[in-house]
C-alpha atoms as a PDB file:
ATOM      1  CA  MET A   1      92.184  38.631  81.900  1.00  0.00           C
ATOM      2  CA  LYS A   2      91.744  39.364  85.576  1.00  0.00           C
ATOM      3  CA  LEU A   3      87.957  39.217  85.269  1.00  0.00           C
ATOM      4  CA  GLY A   4      88.161  35.814  83.590  1.00  0.00           C
ATOM      5  CA  GLU A   5      90.391  34.379  86.318  1.00  0.00           C
ATOM      6  CA  ASN A   6      88.193  35.793  89.071  1.00  0.00           C
ATOM      7  CA  LEU A   7      85.068  34.420  87.390  1.00  0.00           C
ATOM      8  CA  LYS A   8      86.670  30.994  87.007  1.00  0.00           C
ATOM      9  CA  GLU A   9      87.508  30.900  90.734  1.00  0.00           C
ATOM     10  CA  LYS A  10      83.932  31.888  91.647  1.00  0.00           C
ATOM     11  CA  VAL A  11      82.453  29.181  89.410  1.00  0.00           C
ATOM     12  CA  ILE A  12      84.787  26.533  90.855  1.00  0.00           C
ATOM     13  CA  GLU A  13      83.929  27.625  94.404  1.00  0.00           C
ATOM     14  CA  ALA A  14      80.184  27.480  93.657  1.00  0.00           C
ATOM     15  CA  ALA A  15      80.533  24.019  92.095  1.00  0.00           C
ATOM     16  CA  GLU A  16      82.410  22.737  95.157  1.00  0.00           C
ATOM     17  CA  THR A  17      79.713  24.116  97.449  1.00  0.00           C
ATOM     18  CA  ILE A  18      76.938  22.511  95.394  1.00  0.00           C
ATOM     19  CA  TYR A  19      78.816  19.197  95.418  1.00  0.00           C
ATOM     20  CA  ASP A  20      79.201  19.334  99.221  1.00  0.00           C
ATOM     21  CA  VAL A  21      75.506  20.092  99.674  1.00  0.00           C
ATOM     22  CA  SER A  22      74.545  17.262  97.311  1.00  0.00           C
ATOM     23  CA  LYS A  23      76.472  14.762  99.446  1.00  0.00           C
ATOM     24  CA  LYS A  24      74.383  15.693 102.486  1.00  0.00           C
ATOM     25  CA  ASP A  25      70.826  14.436 102.816  1.00  0.00           C
ATOM     26  CA  VAL A  26      69.082  17.720 102.037  1.00  0.00           C
ATOM     27  CA  GLN A  27      66.570  19.062  99.561  1.00  0.00           C
ATOM     28  CA  VAL A  28      67.390  22.297  97.726  1.00  0.00           C
ATOM     29  CA  ASN A  29      64.619  24.362  96.125  1.00  0.00           C
ATOM     30  CA  VAL A  30      65.477  27.270  93.846  1.00  0.00           C
ATOM     31  CA  GLY A  31      62.618  29.612  93.022  1.00  0.00           C
ATOM     32  CA  LYS A  32      61.647  33.218  92.585  1.00  0.00           C
ATOM     33  CA  LYS A  33      61.835  33.809  96.341  1.00  0.00           C
ATOM     34  CA  GLY A  34      65.392  32.510  96.542  1.00  0.00           C
ATOM     35  CA  VAL A  35      67.189  29.351  97.570  1.00  0.00           C
ATOM     36  CA  GLU A  36      65.621  27.155 100.233  1.00  0.00           C
ATOM     37  CA  VAL A  37      67.519  24.270 101.850  1.00  0.00           C
ATOM     38  CA  LYS A  38      65.595  21.686 103.880  1.00  0.00           C
ATOM     39  CA  GLU A  39      66.758  18.547 105.607  1.00  0.00           C
ATOM     40  CA  LYS A  40      64.678  15.480 104.950  1.00  0.00           C
ATOM     41  CA  ARG A  41      62.613  14.295 107.860  1.00  0.00           C
ATOM     42  CA  PRO A  42      64.007  11.053 109.316  1.00  0.00           C
ATOM     43  CA  THR A  43      61.276   8.433 108.919  1.00  0.00           C
ATOM     44  CA  ARG A  44      61.566   4.968 110.404  1.00  0.00           C
ATOM     45  CA  GLN A  45      62.235   3.461 106.980  1.00  0.00           C
ATOM     46  CA  ARG A  46      65.062   5.941 106.312  1.00  0.00           C
ATOM     47  CA  ILE A  47      66.590   5.446 109.757  1.00  0.00           C
ATOM     48  CA  LYS A  48      66.732   1.671 109.181  1.00  0.00           C
ATOM     49  CA  TRP A  49      68.140   2.166 105.670  1.00  0.00           C
ATOM     50  CA  GLN A  50      70.874   4.504 106.916  1.00  0.00           C
ATOM     51  CA  ALA A  51      71.795   2.092 109.714  1.00  0.00           C
ATOM     52  CA  LYS A  52      72.287  -0.707 107.163  1.00  0.00           C
ATOM     53  CA  ILE A  53      74.523   1.468 105.001  1.00  0.00           C
ATOM     54  CA  ARG A  54      76.867   2.493 107.810  1.00  0.00           C
END
């Protein structure tokens, strides 16, 4: 039972982390080399779009 509870907590924690990362404006690549997180480059079009949203 203890393993199941510990596993459930780990899965919930991972899901919360993924949700937080998805809310940010980043690109996540998962491959054989590992996990790579990149921020998108702010182009003029994106800067204008973000200014209109806020």
